[in-house]
Amino acid sequence: MPEVTDEDFGAEVLGADLPVLVEFTADWCPPCRQMAPVLRALAAEEGERLRVVQLNVDRNPETTNQYKVLSMPTFMVFRGGEPVKAMVGARPKRRLLEELSDVL
């Protein structure tokens, strides 16, 4: 899973041509680790319509604070440089896809 940082968030996420799903994650977060295979599968299946990346909240406090992320995992979809959807907590792939259907 590609990782973005405070330094490249603007170019990699806000400036992306495709919608970008950002998982705000942490090494100490079991539900975040549980989501890893779900996100890899989502990236493989929807790669032409959606980019999937991770941002480690402990190593990137600037972006984490800017978007007021308090719980892990938090998922945010960015399109055209703006957050268009936010979801908190682990979920099965089918439910994640359903929740993303209106932004893809």
N, C-alpha and C. Protein backbone atom coordinates (compact mmCIF):
# COMPACT_ATOMS: atom_id res chain seq x y z
N MET A 1 0.85 -1.17 0.00
CA MET A 1 0.00 0.00 0.00
C MET A 1 0.91 1.24 0.00
N PRO A 2 0.76 2.13 -0.98
CA PRO A 2 1.58 3.34 -0.98
C PRO A 2 1.29 4.20 0.25
N GLU A 3 2.34 4.78 0.79
CA GLU A 3 2.19 5.65 1.96
C GLU A 3 2.47 7.09 1.55
N VAL A 4 1.63 8.00 2.01
CA VAL A 4 1.85 9.42 1.77
C VAL A 4 2.26 10.07 3.09
N THR A 5 2.88 11.26 2.98
CA THR A 5 3.38 11.96 4.16
C THR A 5 2.88 13.39 4.15
N ASP A 6 3.16 14.10 5.25
CA ASP A 6 2.83 15.53 5.29
C ASP A 6 3.45 16.25 4.10
N GLU A 7 4.69 15.85 3.74
CA GLU A 7 5.43 16.54 2.69
C GLU A 7 4.82 16.35 1.30
N ASP A 8 4.34 15.12 0.99
CA ASP A 8 3.85 14.88 -0.37
C ASP A 8 2.32 14.75 -0.48
N PHE A 9 1.61 15.03 0.61
CA PHE A 9 0.14 14.88 0.61
C PHE A 9 -0.50 15.76 -0.47
N GLY A 10 -0.02 16.99 -0.59
CA GLY A 10 -0.60 17.90 -1.59
C GLY A 10 -0.47 17.37 -3.00
N ALA A 11 0.70 16.88 -3.35
CA ALA A 11 0.93 16.38 -4.71
C ALA A 11 0.25 15.03 -4.94
N GLU A 12 0.38 14.12 -3.97
CA GLU A 12 -0.10 12.75 -4.15
C GLU A 12 -1.61 12.61 -4.00
N VAL A 13 -2.21 13.42 -3.14
CA VAL A 13 -3.64 13.27 -2.84
C VAL A 13 -4.45 14.44 -3.41
N LEU A 14 -4.11 15.65 -2.98
CA LEU A 14 -4.90 16.81 -3.40
C LEU A 14 -4.75 17.10 -4.88
N GLY A 15 -3.59 16.78 -5.46
CA GLY A 15 -3.36 17.05 -6.87
C GLY A 15 -3.60 15.87 -7.78
N ALA A 16 -4.14 14.78 -7.25
CA ALA A 16 -4.34 13.56 -8.04
C ALA A 16 -5.48 13.72 -9.05
N ASP A 17 -5.33 13.04 -10.18
CA ASP A 17 -6.38 13.05 -11.21
C ASP A 17 -7.57 12.20 -10.79
N LEU A 18 -7.29 11.07 -10.16
CA LEU A 18 -8.35 10.16 -9.71
C LEU A 18 -8.79 10.54 -8.30
N PRO A 19 -9.99 10.10 -7.89
CA PRO A 19 -10.32 10.20 -6.47
C PRO A 19 -9.30 9.37 -5.67
N VAL A 20 -8.98 9.81 -4.46
CA VAL A 20 -8.01 9.11 -3.63
C VAL A 20 -8.66 8.75 -2.30
N LEU A 21 -8.58 7.47 -1.93
CA LEU A 21 -9.02 7.01 -0.62
C LEU A 21 -7.79 6.98 0.27
N VAL A 22 -7.81 7.79 1.33
CA VAL A 22 -6.70 7.84 2.27
C VAL A 22 -7.13 7.12 3.54
N GLU A 23 -6.33 6.13 3.95
CA GLU A 23 -6.54 5.51 5.26
C GLU A 23 -5.59 6.18 6.24
N PHE A 24 -6.16 6.88 7.22
CA PHE A 24 -5.36 7.42 8.32
C PHE A 24 -5.17 6.27 9.30
N THR A 25 -3.91 5.85 9.48
CA THR A 25 -3.63 4.61 10.18
C THR A 25 -2.51 4.81 11.19
N ALA A 26 -2.28 3.79 12.02
CA ALA A 26 -1.19 3.81 12.99
C ALA A 26 -0.68 2.38 13.18
N ASP A 27 0.61 2.26 13.47
CA ASP A 27 1.21 0.93 13.66
C ASP A 27 0.58 0.19 14.83
N TRP A 28 0.12 0.90 15.85
CA TRP A 28 -0.42 0.30 17.07
C TRP A 28 -1.91 -0.02 16.97
N CYS A 29 -2.51 0.13 15.80
CA CYS A 29 -3.96 0.02 15.64
C CYS A 29 -4.36 -1.33 15.03
N PRO A 30 -4.88 -2.28 15.84
CA PRO A 30 -5.27 -3.58 15.28
C PRO A 30 -6.33 -3.50 14.16
N PRO A 31 -7.40 -2.68 14.28
CA PRO A 31 -8.35 -2.61 13.17
C PRO A 31 -7.71 -2.09 11.88
N CYS A 32 -6.68 -1.25 12.01
CA CYS A 32 -5.98 -0.76 10.81
C CYS A 32 -5.27 -1.92 10.12
N ARG A 33 -4.61 -2.76 10.91
CA ARG A 33 -3.92 -3.94 10.32
C ARG A 33 -4.95 -4.87 9.68
N GLN A 34 -6.11 -4.97 10.29
CA GLN A 34 -7.19 -5.82 9.77
C GLN A 34 -7.66 -5.31 8.40
N MET A 35 -7.56 -4.01 8.16
CA MET A 35 -8.02 -3.43 6.90
C MET A 35 -7.02 -3.57 5.76
N ALA A 36 -5.77 -3.90 6.05
CA ALA A 36 -4.73 -3.96 5.02
C ALA A 36 -5.11 -4.85 3.84
N PRO A 37 -5.52 -6.12 4.05
CA PRO A 37 -5.89 -6.94 2.89
C PRO A 37 -7.12 -6.42 2.15
N VAL A 38 -8.06 -5.82 2.87
CA VAL A 38 -9.26 -5.24 2.24
C VAL A 38 -8.85 -4.10 1.31
N LEU A 39 -7.95 -3.24 1.79
CA LEU A 39 -7.53 -2.10 0.99
C LEU A 39 -6.69 -2.54 -0.21
N ARG A 40 -5.85 -3.56 -0.02
CA ARG A 40 -5.06 -4.08 -1.15
C ARG A 40 -5.99 -4.62 -2.24
N ALA A 41 -7.02 -5.36 -1.84
CA ALA A 41 -7.97 -5.92 -2.80
C ALA A 41 -8.75 -4.80 -3.49
N LEU A 42 -9.15 -3.79 -2.72
CA LEU A 42 -9.87 -2.65 -3.28
C LEU A 42 -8.99 -1.93 -4.30
N ALA A 43 -7.73 -1.71 -3.97
CA ALA A 43 -6.81 -1.03 -4.89
C ALA A 43 -6.63 -1.83 -6.17
N ALA A 44 -6.56 -3.15 -6.05
CA ALA A 44 -6.38 -4.00 -7.23
C ALA A 44 -7.62 -3.97 -8.12
N GLU A 45 -8.80 -4.01 -7.50
CA GLU A 45 -10.05 -4.06 -8.27
C GLU A 45 -10.46 -2.71 -8.85
N GLU A 46 -10.22 -1.63 -8.10
CA GLU A 46 -10.74 -0.31 -8.49
C GLU A 46 -9.63 0.65 -8.91
N GLY A 47 -8.44 0.11 -9.19
CA GLY A 47 -7.28 0.94 -9.48
C GLY A 47 -7.44 1.93 -10.62
N GLU A 48 -8.34 1.63 -11.56
CA GLU A 48 -8.54 2.55 -12.68
C GLU A 48 -9.47 3.71 -12.30
N ARG A 49 -10.24 3.53 -11.21
CA ARG A 49 -11.19 4.57 -10.80
C ARG A 49 -10.83 5.24 -9.48
N LEU A 50 -9.94 4.60 -8.70
CA LEU A 50 -9.67 5.07 -7.34
C LEU A 50 -8.24 4.72 -6.95
N ARG A 51 -7.54 5.69 -6.36
CA ARG A 51 -6.21 5.44 -5.82
C ARG A 51 -6.37 5.23 -4.32
N VAL A 52 -5.66 4.26 -3.75
CA VAL A 52 -5.74 3.95 -2.32
C VAL A 52 -4.35 4.15 -1.71
N VAL A 53 -4.28 4.98 -0.66
CA VAL A 53 -3.01 5.24 0.02
C VAL A 53 -3.22 5.24 1.53
N GLN A 54 -2.11 5.18 2.26
CA GLN A 54 -2.15 5.24 3.72
C GLN A 54 -1.36 6.44 4.20
N LEU A 55 -1.77 6.99 5.34
CA LEU A 55 -1.02 8.05 5.99
C LEU A 55 -0.89 7.66 7.45
N ASN A 56 0.35 7.53 7.94
CA ASN A 56 0.60 7.17 9.33
C ASN A 56 0.41 8.42 10.19
N VAL A 57 -0.55 8.37 11.11
CA VAL A 57 -0.89 9.56 11.90
C VAL A 57 0.22 9.95 12.86
N ASP A 58 0.98 8.99 13.35
CA ASP A 58 2.05 9.30 14.30
C ASP A 58 3.21 10.02 13.62
N ARG A 59 3.49 9.66 12.38
CA ARG A 59 4.62 10.27 11.66
C ARG A 59 4.21 11.51 10.86
N ASN A 60 2.91 11.78 10.75
CA ASN A 60 2.42 12.88 9.92
C ASN A 60 1.34 13.68 10.66
N PRO A 61 1.72 14.34 11.75
CA PRO A 61 0.71 15.04 12.57
C PRO A 61 0.08 16.25 11.88
N GLU A 62 0.80 16.87 10.97
CA GLU A 62 0.29 18.08 10.31
C GLU A 62 -0.99 17.78 9.53
N THR A 63 -0.93 16.77 8.66
CA THR A 63 -2.11 16.41 7.85
C THR A 63 -3.20 15.83 8.74
N THR A 64 -2.82 15.01 9.72
CA THR A 64 -3.79 14.42 10.64
C THR A 64 -4.59 15.51 11.35
N ASN A 65 -3.90 16.52 11.85
CA ASN A 65 -4.58 17.62 12.56
C ASN A 65 -5.39 18.50 11.61
N GLN A 66 -4.87 18.70 10.41
CA GLN A 66 -5.58 19.55 9.44
C GLN A 66 -6.97 19.00 9.14
N TYR A 67 -7.08 17.67 9.07
CA TYR A 67 -8.37 17.06 8.75
C TYR A 67 -9.09 16.54 9.99
N LYS A 68 -8.60 16.92 11.17
CA LYS A 68 -9.25 16.63 12.45
C LYS A 68 -9.51 15.14 12.64
N VAL A 69 -8.51 14.32 12.30
CA VAL A 69 -8.64 12.88 12.46
C VAL A 69 -8.34 12.51 13.91
N LEU A 70 -9.30 11.86 14.58
CA LEU A 70 -9.15 11.50 15.98
C LEU A 70 -9.16 10.00 16.22
N SER A 71 -9.76 9.24 15.33
CA SER A 71 -9.89 7.79 15.51
C SER A 71 -9.24 7.06 14.35
N MET A 72 -8.72 5.88 14.63
CA MET A 72 -8.12 5.05 13.60
C MET A 72 -8.89 3.74 13.48
N PRO A 73 -9.06 3.21 12.29
CA PRO A 73 -8.75 3.88 11.04
C PRO A 73 -9.84 4.88 10.65
N THR A 74 -9.42 5.99 10.07
CA THR A 74 -10.35 6.92 9.42
C THR A 74 -10.05 6.87 7.94
N PHE A 75 -11.10 6.77 7.15
CA PHE A 75 -10.96 6.77 5.69
C PHE A 75 -11.54 8.07 5.16
N MET A 76 -10.79 8.75 4.31
CA MET A 76 -11.30 9.95 3.66
C MET A 76 -11.08 9.83 2.17
N VAL A 77 -12.11 10.21 1.42
CA VAL A 77 -11.99 10.24 -0.03
C VAL A 77 -11.80 11.70 -0.44
N PHE A 78 -10.76 11.93 -1.23
CA PHE A 78 -10.48 13.26 -1.75
C PHE A 78 -10.70 13.25 -3.26
N ARG A 79 -11.40 14.26 -3.74
CA ARG A 79 -11.60 14.41 -5.17
C ARG A 79 -11.45 15.88 -5.51
N GLY A 80 -10.65 16.18 -6.50
CA GLY A 80 -10.44 17.57 -6.89
C GLY A 80 -9.83 18.40 -5.78
N GLY A 81 -9.00 17.78 -4.94
CA GLY A 81 -8.33 18.51 -3.88
C GLY A 81 -9.15 18.74 -2.62
N GLU A 82 -10.36 18.19 -2.59
CA GLU A 82 -11.25 18.40 -1.44
C GLU A 82 -11.70 17.07 -0.84
N PRO A 83 -11.85 17.00 0.49
CA PRO A 83 -12.43 15.78 1.08
C PRO A 83 -13.92 15.73 0.76
N VAL A 84 -14.38 14.62 0.20
CA VAL A 84 -15.79 14.50 -0.17
C VAL A 84 -16.53 13.45 0.65
N LYS A 85 -15.78 12.64 1.41
CA LYS A 85 -16.42 11.61 2.23
C LYS A 85 -15.46 11.20 3.33
N ALA A 86 -15.99 10.92 4.52
CA ALA A 86 -15.18 10.41 5.63
C ALA A 86 -15.93 9.27 6.31
N MET A 87 -15.19 8.24 6.69
CA MET A 87 -15.75 7.08 7.37
C MET A 87 -14.77 6.67 8.47
N VAL A 88 -15.28 6.23 9.60
CA VAL A 88 -14.42 5.83 10.71
C VAL A 88 -14.69 4.38 11.06
N GLY A 89 -13.61 3.60 11.24
CA GLY A 89 -13.72 2.23 11.69
C GLY A 89 -13.55 1.21 10.59
N ALA A 90 -13.10 0.02 10.99
CA ALA A 90 -12.91 -1.08 10.06
C ALA A 90 -14.26 -1.56 9.54
N ARG A 91 -14.25 -2.08 8.32
CA ARG A 91 -15.47 -2.60 7.70
C ARG A 91 -15.09 -3.60 6.63
N PRO A 92 -16.01 -4.53 6.32
CA PRO A 92 -15.74 -5.50 5.25
C PRO A 92 -15.67 -4.79 3.89
N LYS A 93 -15.01 -5.44 2.95
CA LYS A 93 -14.81 -4.84 1.62
C LYS A 93 -16.14 -4.50 0.95
N ARG A 94 -17.12 -5.39 1.05
CA ARG A 94 -18.41 -5.16 0.39
C ARG A 94 -19.05 -3.87 0.91
N ARG A 95 -19.02 -3.67 2.22
CA ARG A 95 -19.61 -2.46 2.80
C ARG A 95 -18.81 -1.22 2.40
N LEU A 96 -17.50 -1.35 2.39
CA LEU A 96 -16.65 -0.22 1.98
C LEU A 96 -16.97 0.18 0.54
N LEU A 97 -17.11 -0.81 -0.34
CA LEU A 97 -17.45 -0.52 -1.73
C LEU A 97 -18.81 0.17 -1.85
N GLU A 98 -19.79 -0.31 -1.07
CA GLU A 98 -21.12 0.30 -1.08
C GLU A 98 -21.03 1.78 -0.66
N GLU A 99 -20.22 2.03 0.39
CA GLU A 99 -20.10 3.39 0.90
C GLU A 99 -19.35 4.31 -0.06
N LEU A 100 -18.51 3.71 -0.89
CA LEU A 100 -17.73 4.50 -1.85
C LEU A 100 -18.46 4.70 -3.17
N SER A 101 -19.55 3.99 -3.40
CA SER A 101 -20.21 3.99 -4.70
C SER A 101 -20.62 5.39 -5.16
N ASP A 102 -21.00 6.25 -4.22
CA ASP A 102 -21.44 7.59 -4.63
C ASP A 102 -20.30 8.55 -4.96
N VAL A 103 -19.06 8.17 -4.65
CA VAL A 103 -17.93 9.07 -4.96
C VAL A 103 -17.04 8.54 -6.07
N LEU A 104 -17.33 7.33 -6.54
CA LEU A 104 -16.52 6.76 -7.63
C LEU A 104 -17.10 7.14 -8.99
